[in-house]
Amino acid sequence: MDPQTLHIAFGPGALDFLIEQLRRNPPGDALFTFPDYTIRFYCDPSIPGSDGRLDHVGTRQETRVLMAYSLPNGILPPDVTTLVNLSFEEILRCYERDCYLAAVALCGRTIETVVGGVYQQLKGVHPSDEQGSKPGIRDIIKYLGTNGYQFPPGTKEKIDAIALHRNMAIHGNLVIPTVDEARSVIYLTKDVLRIAAERAAQPPTASQVHS
């Protein structure tokens, strides 16, 4: 099926119900509820002739247009890129379904994955494969900074904010993140992913390395 086409199938009874509702005077609404959302059909007399209008607003529009992001191929190791993109897609699906705890937790994991990928690209070994104690995300950021990966001002603060919300979601008290908290963390995550991808695409030079 064409992914740009909205496909809706009706059984004979549902089609009769739809026609009956729309032909009422005044016209009524016909609601069809699905697991992820409800579709509403209604008559708007202000629409001319045989035209129609798609009133598509809400979280799905936000996730498909404003929040959407895909880490480009060829910048980080392929397995890292695949995992990051799958994880971010899952974050958006969780947000659409009001699963804010899961969305926030996945944001923290996704940032750890992409930053670990940049570390692996620079050092040649993934943080999880280091001998001895494994570097945490702050250790990784510090290592990148001392080896020429100077992220734009505010990036560390964004990562810290994501980590704080992630830790509160997983280890904090029994309070579910609100929709506004989840939305903020997702936009921060998208911004950090974009910054990490842009920075990783520009290998550090000797003049950028700080001791």
C-alpha atoms as a PDB file:
ATOM      1  CA  MET A   1       0.000   0.000   0.000  1.00  0.00           C
ATOM      2  CA  ASP A   2       1.064   3.559  -0.662  1.00  0.00           C
ATOM      3  CA  PRO A   3       2.349   4.872   2.708  1.00  0.00           C
ATOM      4  CA  GLN A   4       1.120   8.373   1.794  1.00  0.00           C
ATOM      5  CA  THR A   5      -2.469   7.134   1.423  1.00  0.00           C
ATOM      6  CA  LEU A   6      -4.742   6.726   4.440  1.00  0.00           C
ATOM      7  CA  HIS A   7      -6.498   3.371   3.949  1.00  0.00           C
ATOM      8  CA  ILE A   8      -9.810   2.842   5.779  1.00  0.00           C
ATOM      9  CA  ALA A   9     -11.949  -0.265   5.154  1.00  0.00           C
ATOM     10  CA  PHE A  10     -15.637  -0.493   6.120  1.00  0.00           C
ATOM     11  CA  GLY A  11     -17.891  -3.486   6.473  1.00  0.00           C
ATOM     12  CA  PRO A  12     -21.437  -3.178   5.080  1.00  0.00           C
ATOM     13  CA  GLY A  13     -22.888  -2.356   8.504  1.00  0.00           C
ATOM     14  CA  ALA A  14     -20.263   0.268   9.261  1.00  0.00           C
ATOM     15  CA  LEU A  15     -20.793   1.871   5.853  1.00  0.00           C
ATOM     16  CA  ASP A  16     -24.558   2.052   6.442  1.00  0.00           C
ATOM     17  CA  PHE A  17     -23.915   3.627   9.851  1.00  0.00           C
ATOM     18  CA  LEU A  18     -21.575   6.224   8.351  1.00  0.00           C
ATOM     19  CA  ILE A  19     -24.021   7.217   5.612  1.00  0.00           C
ATOM     20  CA  GLU A  20     -26.917   7.375   8.073  1.00  0.00           C
ATOM     21  CA  GLN A  21     -25.017   9.645  10.452  1.00  0.00           C
ATOM     22  CA  LEU A  22     -23.837  12.025   7.743  1.00  0.00           C
ATOM     23  CA  ARG A  23     -27.333  12.274   6.172  1.00  0.00           C
ATOM     24  CA  ARG A  24     -29.018  13.230   9.408  1.00  0.00           C
ATOM     25  CA  ASN A  25     -30.368  16.749   9.795  1.00  0.00           C
ATOM     26  CA  PRO A  26     -28.304  18.213  11.268  1.00  0.00           C
ATOM     27  CA  PRO A  27     -25.512  15.818  10.240  1.00  0.00           C
ATOM     28  CA  GLY A  28     -24.120  13.650  13.009  1.00  0.00           C
ATOM     29  CA  ASP A  29     -20.629  12.372  13.737  1.00  0.00           C
ATOM     30  CA  ALA A  30     -19.433   8.838  13.016  1.00  0.00           C
ATOM     31  CA  LEU A  31     -16.665   7.645  15.324  1.00  0.00           C
ATOM     32  CA  PHE A  32     -14.565   4.539  14.687  1.00  0.00           C
ATOM     33  CA  THR A  33     -12.219   3.572  17.503  1.00  0.00           C
ATOM     34  CA  PHE A  34      -8.985   1.672  16.884  1.00  0.00           C
ATOM     35  CA  PRO A  35      -6.273   0.589  19.355  1.00  0.00           C
ATOM     36  CA  ASP A  36      -4.082   3.654  18.809  1.00  0.00           C
ATOM     37  CA  TYR A  37      -6.576   6.381  17.949  1.00  0.00           C
ATOM     38  CA  THR A  38     -10.181   7.267  17.058  1.00  0.00           C
ATOM     39  CA  ILE A  39     -11.205   8.386  13.563  1.00  0.00           C
ATOM     40  CA  ARG A  40     -14.081  10.864  13.361  1.00  0.00           C
ATOM     41  CA  PHE A  41     -16.123  11.465  10.202  1.00  0.00           C
ATOM     42  CA  TYR A  42     -18.386  14.506  10.083  1.00  0.00           C
ATOM     43  CA  CYS A  43     -20.007  16.879   7.621  1.00  0.00           C
ATOM     44  CA  ASP A  44     -18.782  20.477   7.364  1.00  0.00           C
ATOM     45  CA  PRO A  45     -21.207  22.542   5.207  1.00  0.00           C
ATOM     46  CA  SER A  46     -18.536  25.198   4.667  1.00  0.00           C
ATOM     47  CA  ILE A  47     -16.486  22.846   2.455  1.00  0.00           C
ATOM     48  CA  PRO A  48     -17.408  23.484  -1.191  1.00  0.00           C
ATOM     49  CA  GLY A  49     -18.624  20.845  -3.662  1.00  0.00           C
ATOM     50  CA  SER A  50     -17.124  17.376  -3.367  1.00  0.00           C
ATOM     51  CA  ASP A  51     -13.988  18.526  -1.532  1.00  0.00           C
ATOM     52  CA  GLY A  52     -12.835  17.185   1.806  1.00  0.00           C
ATOM     53  CA  ARG A  53     -10.426  18.191   4.530  1.00  0.00           C
ATOM     54  CA  LEU A  54      -8.058  16.195   6.703  1.00  0.00           C
ATOM     55  CA  ASP A  55      -7.946  17.628  10.226  1.00  0.00           C
ATOM     56  CA  HIS A  56      -4.851  15.777  11.372  1.00  0.00           C
ATOM     57  CA  VAL A  57      -3.583  17.279  14.587  1.00  0.00           C
ATOM     58  CA  GLY A  58      -2.274  16.011  17.880  1.00  0.00           C
ATOM     59  CA  THR A  59       0.574  13.773  18.940  1.00  0.00           C
ATOM     60  CA  ARG A  60       0.849  11.807  15.708  1.00  0.00           C
ATOM     61  CA  GLN A  61       1.362  14.952  13.658  1.00  0.00           C
ATOM     62  CA  GLU A  62       3.922  16.128  16.183  1.00  0.00           C
ATOM     63  CA  THR A  63       5.892  12.878  16.119  1.00  0.00           C
ATOM     64  CA  ARG A  64       5.786  12.534  12.343  1.00  0.00           C
ATOM     65  CA  VAL A  65       6.730  16.124  11.564  1.00  0.00           C
ATOM     66  CA  LEU A  66       8.316  17.970  14.466  1.00  0.00           C
ATOM     67  CA  MET A  67       9.987  15.211  16.479  1.00  0.00           C
ATOM     68  CA  ALA A  68      11.021  12.920  13.625  1.00  0.00           C
ATOM     69  CA  TYR A  69      14.739  12.304  13.209  1.00  0.00           C
ATOM     70  CA  SER A  70      16.933   9.649  11.632  1.00  0.00           C
ATOM     71  CA  LEU A  71      20.672   9.342  12.248  1.00  0.00           C
ATOM     72  CA  PRO A  72      22.360   9.428   8.805  1.00  0.00           C
ATOM     73  CA  ASN A  73      24.187   6.334   7.583  1.00  0.00           C
ATOM     74  CA  GLY A  74      27.948   6.304   7.241  1.00  0.00           C
ATOM     75  CA  ILE A  75      28.785   8.496  10.231  1.00  0.00           C
ATOM     76  CA  LEU A  76      28.847   5.970  13.076  1.00  0.00           C
ATOM     77  CA  PRO A  77      29.254   2.172  12.957  1.00  0.00           C
ATOM     78  CA  PRO A  78      26.267   0.597  11.141  1.00  0.00           C
ATOM     79  CA  ASP A  79      25.085  -1.354  14.184  1.00  0.00           C
ATOM     80  CA  VAL A  80      25.078   1.828  16.278  1.00  0.00           C
ATOM     81  CA  THR A  81      23.153   3.758  13.622  1.00  0.00           C
ATOM     82  CA  THR A  82      20.554   1.001  13.309  1.00  0.00           C
ATOM     83  CA  LEU A  83      20.076   0.724  17.061  1.00  0.00           C
ATOM     84  CA  VAL A  84      19.797   4.492  17.538  1.00  0.00           C
ATOM     85  CA  ASN A  85      17.199   4.863  14.781  1.00  0.00           C
ATOM     86  CA  LEU A  86      15.142   1.901  15.989  1.00  0.00           C
ATOM     87  CA  SER A  87      15.267   3.234  19.540  1.00  0.00           C
ATOM     88  CA  PHE A  88      14.231   6.764  18.548  1.00  0.00           C
ATOM     89  CA  GLU A  89      11.359   5.388  16.468  1.00  0.00           C
ATOM     90  CA  GLU A  90      10.249   3.383  19.502  1.00  0.00           C
ATOM     91  CA  ILE A  91      10.462   6.528  21.641  1.00  0.00           C
ATOM     92  CA  LEU A  92       8.007   8.288  19.309  1.00  0.00           C
ATOM     93  CA  ARG A  93       5.639   5.324  19.261  1.00  0.00           C
ATOM     94  CA  CYS A  94       5.675   5.257  23.072  1.00  0.00           C
ATOM     95  CA  TYR A  95       4.922   8.986  23.153  1.00  0.00           C
ATOM     96  CA  GLU A  96       2.007   8.570  20.739  1.00  0.00           C
ATOM     97  CA  ARG A  97       0.519   5.925  23.026  1.00  0.00           C
ATOM     98  CA  ASP A  98       0.960   8.003  26.196  1.00  0.00           C
ATOM     99  CA  CYS A  99       3.723   5.690  27.490  1.00  0.00           C
ATOM    100  CA  TYR A 100       5.798   8.568  28.855  1.00  0.00           C
ATOM    101  CA  LEU A 101       7.821   6.519  31.348  1.00  0.00           C
ATOM    102  CA  ALA A 102       9.040   4.211  28.590  1.00  0.00           C
ATOM    103  CA  ALA A 103       9.735   7.142  26.250  1.00  0.00           C
ATOM    104  CA  VAL A 104      11.905   8.974  28.786  1.00  0.00           C
ATOM    105  CA  ALA A 105      13.797   5.823  29.756  1.00  0.00           C
ATOM    106  CA  LEU A 106      14.527   5.079  26.092  1.00  0.00           C
ATOM    107  CA  CYS A 107      15.762   8.646  25.548  1.00  0.00           C
ATOM    108  CA  GLY A 108      18.512   8.082  28.116  1.00  0.00           C
ATOM    109  CA  ARG A 109      19.458   4.750  26.592  1.00  0.00           C
ATOM    110  CA  THR A 110      19.541   6.239  23.076  1.00  0.00           C
ATOM    111  CA  ILE A 111      21.889   9.052  24.110  1.00  0.00           C
ATOM    112  CA  GLU A 112      24.184   6.536  25.800  1.00  0.00           C
ATOM    113  CA  THR A 113      24.203   4.507  22.581  1.00  0.00           C
ATOM    114  CA  VAL A 114      25.092   7.373  20.250  1.00  0.00           C
ATOM    115  CA  VAL A 115      27.732   8.862  22.562  1.00  0.00           C
ATOM    116  CA  GLY A 116      29.224   5.391  22.980  1.00  0.00           C
ATOM    117  CA  GLY A 117      29.332   5.138  19.188  1.00  0.00           C
ATOM    118  CA  VAL A 118      31.279   8.386  18.905  1.00  0.00           C
ATOM    119  CA  TYR A 119      33.681   7.103  21.581  1.00  0.00           C
ATOM    120  CA  GLN A 120      34.121   3.854  19.648  1.00  0.00           C
ATOM    121  CA  GLN A 121      34.749   5.760  16.429  1.00  0.00           C
ATOM    122  CA  LEU A 122      37.481   7.821  18.072  1.00  0.00           C
ATOM    123  CA  LYS A 123      39.156   5.247  20.308  1.00  0.00           C
ATOM    124  CA  GLY A 124      38.525   2.077  18.331  1.00  0.00           C
ATOM    125  CA  VAL A 125      36.839   0.267  21.212  1.00  0.00           C
ATOM    126  CA  HIS A 126      33.296   0.497  22.560  1.00  0.00           C
ATOM    127  CA  PRO A 127      32.972   1.678  26.177  1.00  0.00           C
ATOM    128  CA  SER A 128      31.385  -1.645  27.147  1.00  0.00           C
ATOM    129  CA  ASP A 129      34.457  -3.480  25.826  1.00  0.00           C
ATOM    130  CA  GLU A 130      36.975  -1.473  27.832  1.00  0.00           C
ATOM    131  CA  GLN A 131      39.124  -3.457  30.251  1.00  0.00           C
ATOM    132  CA  GLY A 132      38.513  -2.858  33.933  1.00  0.00           C
ATOM    133  CA  SER A 133      35.868  -0.356  35.003  1.00  0.00           C
ATOM    134  CA  LYS A 134      33.578   0.784  32.218  1.00  0.00           C
ATOM    135  CA  PRO A 135      33.379   4.529  31.550  1.00  0.00           C
ATOM    136  CA  GLY A 136      30.058   6.171  32.311  1.00  0.00           C
ATOM    137  CA  ILE A 137      28.509   8.796  30.102  1.00  0.00           C
ATOM    138  CA  ARG A 138      30.280  11.646  31.929  1.00  0.00           C
ATOM    139  CA  ASP A 139      33.620   9.875  31.519  1.00  0.00           C
ATOM    140  CA  ILE A 140      32.885   9.409  27.834  1.00  0.00           C
ATOM    141  CA  ILE A 141      32.005  13.076  27.341  1.00  0.00           C
ATOM    142  CA  LYS A 142      35.191  14.076  29.176  1.00  0.00           C
ATOM    143  CA  TYR A 143      37.312  11.758  27.020  1.00  0.00           C
ATOM    144  CA  LEU A 144      35.765  13.104  23.818  1.00  0.00           C
ATOM    145  CA  GLY A 145      36.330  16.679  24.967  1.00  0.00           C
ATOM    146  CA  THR A 146      40.015  16.097  25.702  1.00  0.00           C
ATOM    147  CA  ASN A 147      40.505  14.476  22.310  1.00  0.00           C
ATOM    148  CA  GLY A 148      39.148  17.178  20.056  1.00  0.00           C
ATOM    149  CA  TYR A 149      35.413  16.545  20.080  1.00  0.00           C
ATOM    150  CA  GLN A 150      34.284  19.905  21.369  1.00  0.00           C
ATOM    151  CA  PHE A 151      30.508  19.923  21.265  1.00  0.00           C
ATOM    152  CA  PRO A 152      28.595  23.225  21.024  1.00  0.00           C
ATOM    153  CA  PRO A 153      27.946  25.094  24.288  1.00  0.00           C
ATOM    154  CA  GLY A 154      24.974  23.679  26.161  1.00  0.00           C
ATOM    155  CA  THR A 155      25.307  20.131  24.821  1.00  0.00           C
ATOM    156  CA  LYS A 156      26.589  18.712  28.103  1.00  0.00           C
ATOM    157  CA  GLU A 157      23.739  20.400  29.976  1.00  0.00           C
ATOM    158  CA  LYS A 158      21.236  18.834  27.594  1.00  0.00           C
ATOM    159  CA  ILE A 159      22.770  15.395  28.115  1.00  0.00           C
ATOM    160  CA  ASP A 160      22.711  15.936  31.893  1.00  0.00           C
ATOM    161  CA  ALA A 161      19.023  16.911  31.743  1.00  0.00           C
ATOM    162  CA  ILE A 162      18.158  13.801  29.726  1.00  0.00           C
ATOM    163  CA  ALA A 163      20.122  11.613  32.149  1.00  0.00           C
ATOM    164  CA  LEU A 164      18.396  13.223  35.145  1.00  0.00           C
ATOM    165  CA  HIS A 165      14.912  12.563  33.776  1.00  0.00           C
ATOM    166  CA  ARG A 166      15.913   9.052  32.733  1.00  0.00           C
ATOM    167  CA  ASN A 167      17.225   8.265  36.210  1.00  0.00           C
ATOM    168  CA  MET A 168      14.123   9.708  37.852  1.00  0.00           C
ATOM    169  CA  ALA A 169      11.924   7.626  35.544  1.00  0.00           C
ATOM    170  CA  ILE A 170      13.770   4.405  36.311  1.00  0.00           C
ATOM    171  CA  HIS A 171      15.164   4.832  39.823  1.00  0.00           C
ATOM    172  CA  GLY A 172      13.078   7.635  41.279  1.00  0.00           C
ATOM    173  CA  ASN A 173       9.812   7.584  43.163  1.00  0.00           C
ATOM    174  CA  LEU A 174       6.642   6.195  41.659  1.00  0.00           C
ATOM    175  CA  VAL A 175       5.693   9.256  39.614  1.00  0.00           C
ATOM    176  CA  ILE A 176       4.974   8.899  35.908  1.00  0.00           C
ATOM    177  CA  PRO A 177       6.504  11.648  33.723  1.00  0.00           C
ATOM    178  CA  THR A 178       3.938  14.095  32.372  1.00  0.00           C
ATOM    179  CA  VAL A 179       3.339  14.647  28.686  1.00  0.00           C
ATOM    180  CA  ASP A 180       5.227  17.967  28.897  1.00  0.00           C
ATOM    181  CA  GLU A 181       8.228  16.325  30.581  1.00  0.00           C
ATOM    182  CA  ALA A 182       8.316  13.546  28.000  1.00  0.00           C
ATOM    183  CA  ARG A 183       7.985  16.036  25.141  1.00  0.00           C
ATOM    184  CA  SER A 184      10.857  18.163  26.464  1.00  0.00           C
ATOM    185  CA  VAL A 185      13.144  15.153  26.916  1.00  0.00           C
ATOM    186  CA  ILE A 186      12.365  13.899  23.396  1.00  0.00           C
ATOM    187  CA  TYR A 187      13.213  17.268  21.824  1.00  0.00           C
ATOM    188  CA  LEU A 188      16.440  17.395  23.852  1.00  0.00           C
ATOM    189  CA  THR A 189      17.273  13.882  22.674  1.00  0.00           C
ATOM    190  CA  LYS A 190      16.647  14.791  19.047  1.00  0.00           C
ATOM    191  CA  ASP A 191      18.878  17.842  19.392  1.00  0.00           C
ATOM    192  CA  VAL A 192      21.727  15.865  20.987  1.00  0.00           C
ATOM    193  CA  LEU A 193      21.476  13.168  18.291  1.00  0.00           C
ATOM    194  CA  ARG A 194      21.709  15.834  15.591  1.00  0.00           C
ATOM    195  CA  ILE A 195      24.691  17.497  17.269  1.00  0.00           C
ATOM    196  CA  ALA A 196      26.479  14.174  17.804  1.00  0.00           C
ATOM    197  CA  ALA A 197      25.964  13.193  14.167  1.00  0.00           C
ATOM    198  CA  GLU A 198      27.226  16.536  12.869  1.00  0.00           C
ATOM    199  CA  ARG A 199      30.239  16.477  15.179  1.00  0.00           C
ATOM    200  CA  ALA A 200      31.094  12.826  14.448  1.00  0.00           C
ATOM    201  CA  ALA A 201      31.048  13.600  10.734  1.00  0.00           C
ATOM    202  CA  GLN A 202      33.930  16.054  11.315  1.00  0.00           C
ATOM    203  CA  PRO A 203      36.908  14.085  12.738  1.00  0.00           C
ATOM    204  CA  PRO A 204      39.021  16.093  15.160  1.00  0.00           C
ATOM    205  CA  THR A 205      42.270  17.623  14.008  1.00  0.00           C
ATOM    206  CA  ALA A 206      45.472  17.905  15.976  1.00  0.00           C
ATOM    207  CA  SER A 207      44.824  21.589  16.614  1.00  0.00           C
ATOM    208  CA  GLN A 208      41.513  20.736  18.275  1.00  0.00           C
ATOM    209  CA  VAL A 209      42.943  18.256  20.771  1.00  0.00           C
ATOM    210  CA  HIS A 210      43.037  19.596  24.309  1.00  0.00           C
ATOM    211  CA  SER A 211      45.130  18.105  27.055  1.00  0.00           C
END
